C-alpha cells in the first residue's frame, strides 16, 4: 500500500511542477530568424549616391517598401533565439525622386557605418 501511495504522490508532484519555469530550459526551442539577414560587411558596401539597382544588387531585395511610394526601402531582420530575448535590426534606405540613395538609417545589431 505504501508503494502505491508513494507512486501516486510522485505522480501528483510531477504534474504540479511540470509547468514550473525551472524546467523551461530543458525543453528545446528552435531559433527563429525572419527577414533580411545582412552582415556589417554587406551594409558597409552601400553609400549615398548609389541608385536602386546598385543597392538591390548589393543587398538583395528589401523586405518592405514604402506603401505610399517606392522611395523608402526597409531591410528588417528579427532573431528569436530559443530561450533568449528577441532582437531586431532595421536598415532603412531613402531614395530621392531620381532613384538615388540619399539617407541610410541603421538601427539594431549591425555595427556598420550610417550615412546621413
Protein backbone atom coordinates (compact mmCIF):
# COMPACT_ATOMS: atom_id res chain seq x y z
CA UNK A 1 0.00 0.00 0.00
CA UNK A 2 2.81 2.42 0.78
CA UNK A 3 4.36 1.80 -2.64
CA UNK A 4 1.10 2.81 -4.35
CA UNK A 5 0.80 5.89 -2.16
CA UNK A 6 4.40 6.88 -2.87
CA UNK A 7 3.88 6.39 -6.61
CA UNK A 8 0.67 8.44 -6.56
CA UNK A 9 2.35 11.21 -4.56
CA UNK A 10 5.27 11.26 -7.00
CA UNK A 11 2.88 11.44 -9.95
CA UNK A 12 0.93 14.32 -8.37
CA UNK A 13 4.17 16.16 -7.52
CA UNK A 14 5.40 15.69 -11.08
CA UNK A 15 2.15 17.07 -12.51
CA UNK A 16 2.21 20.08 -10.19
CA UNK A 17 5.80 21.00 -11.03
CA UNK A 18 5.64 20.28 -14.78
CA UNK A 19 4.74 23.90 -15.59
CA UNK A 20 7.45 25.48 -13.44
CA UNK A 21 9.97 27.75 -15.11
CA UNK A 22 12.94 25.71 -13.90
CA UNK A 23 12.01 23.04 -16.45
CA UNK A 24 11.62 25.56 -19.27
CA UNK A 25 15.31 25.43 -20.27
CA UNK A 26 15.11 21.67 -20.64
CA UNK A 27 12.53 21.94 -23.41
CA UNK A 28 14.10 22.52 -26.83
CA UNK A 29 13.07 25.71 -28.62
CA UNK A 30 14.49 26.32 -32.09
CA UNK A 31 15.95 29.68 -33.09
CA UNK A 32 13.54 31.65 -35.27
CA UNK A 33 15.11 34.02 -37.81
CA UNK A 34 12.94 36.13 -40.09
CA UNK A 35 13.66 38.76 -42.70
CA UNK A 36 16.77 40.03 -44.48
CA UNK A 37 19.97 38.83 -42.80
CA UNK A 38 22.67 41.43 -43.50
CA UNK A 39 26.20 41.41 -42.15
CA UNK A 40 28.11 44.58 -41.28
CA UNK A 41 30.28 43.95 -44.36
CA UNK A 42 27.18 43.97 -46.58
CA UNK A 43 25.94 47.25 -45.12
CA UNK A 44 29.35 48.89 -45.43
CA UNK A 45 29.25 48.31 -49.22
CA UNK A 46 26.38 50.74 -49.73
CA UNK A 47 26.72 54.52 -49.66
CA UNK A 48 24.73 57.59 -50.57
CA UNK A 49 24.70 58.32 -54.28
CA UNK A 50 24.01 54.73 -55.36
CA UNK A 51 20.90 54.04 -57.42
CA UNK A 52 18.19 51.48 -56.59
CA UNK A 53 19.57 48.88 -58.96
CA UNK A 54 23.04 49.04 -57.36
CA UNK A 55 21.58 48.75 -53.85
CA UNK A 56 19.37 45.80 -54.83
CA UNK A 57 22.38 44.08 -56.42
CA UNK A 58 24.46 44.61 -53.26
CA UNK A 59 21.88 43.80 -50.56
CA UNK A 60 19.16 41.90 -52.39
CA UNK A 61 15.51 42.86 -52.44
CA UNK A 62 14.14 44.64 -49.42
CA UNK A 63 11.59 43.06 -47.12
CA UNK A 64 9.29 46.10 -47.13
CA UNK A 65 8.84 49.14 -49.33
CA UNK A 66 7.00 52.34 -48.58
CA UNK A 67 3.33 51.58 -49.35
CA UNK A 68 2.67 55.18 -50.41
CA UNK A 69 5.51 55.29 -52.92
CA UNK A 70 8.71 53.47 -53.67
CA UNK A 71 11.25 55.87 -52.18
CA UNK A 72 11.90 54.06 -48.88
CA UNK A 73 13.14 50.51 -48.51
CA UNK A 74 13.21 48.58 -45.22
CA UNK A 75 15.57 45.67 -44.59
CA UNK A 76 14.32 44.07 -41.37
CA UNK A 77 15.88 41.10 -39.60
CA UNK A 78 14.31 39.66 -36.46
CA UNK A 79 16.00 36.95 -34.43
CA UNK A 80 14.38 34.99 -31.62
CA UNK A 81 16.87 32.60 -30.03
CA UNK A 82 15.30 29.66 -28.22
CA UNK A 83 15.48 30.93 -24.64
CA UNK A 84 16.81 34.48 -25.06
CA UNK A 85 15.36 37.91 -25.77
CA UNK A 86 14.20 38.89 -29.24
CA UNK A 87 16.48 41.23 -31.19
CA UNK A 88 15.69 43.18 -34.33
CA UNK A 89 17.85 45.12 -36.73
CA UNK A 90 16.37 47.54 -39.24
CA UNK A 91 18.14 49.17 -42.17
CA UNK A 92 16.09 51.97 -43.73
CA UNK A 93 17.16 53.35 -47.10
CA UNK A 94 15.62 56.51 -48.52
CA UNK A 95 15.83 57.42 -52.19
CA UNK A 96 15.04 60.71 -53.92
CA UNK A 97 12.77 61.13 -56.95
CA UNK A 98 15.61 60.20 -59.34
CA UNK A 99 16.15 56.85 -57.53
CA UNK A 100 19.40 57.95 -55.87
CA UNK A 101 20.15 56.84 -52.31
CA UNK A 102 20.11 59.91 -50.06
CA UNK A 103 19.81 58.53 -46.50
CA UNK A 104 20.87 55.38 -44.63
CA UNK A 105 19.47 54.67 -41.17
CA UNK A 106 20.86 51.59 -39.47
CA UNK A 107 19.21 50.58 -36.18
CA UNK A 108 19.78 47.39 -34.27
CA UNK A 109 22.56 44.87 -34.01
CA UNK A 110 24.57 45.88 -37.08
CA UNK A 111 27.75 47.81 -36.39
CA UNK A 112 28.30 49.37 -39.77
CA UNK A 113 28.52 52.98 -40.85
CA UNK A 114 25.39 55.06 -41.12
CA UNK A 115 25.39 57.96 -43.60
CA UNK A 116 23.09 60.93 -43.22
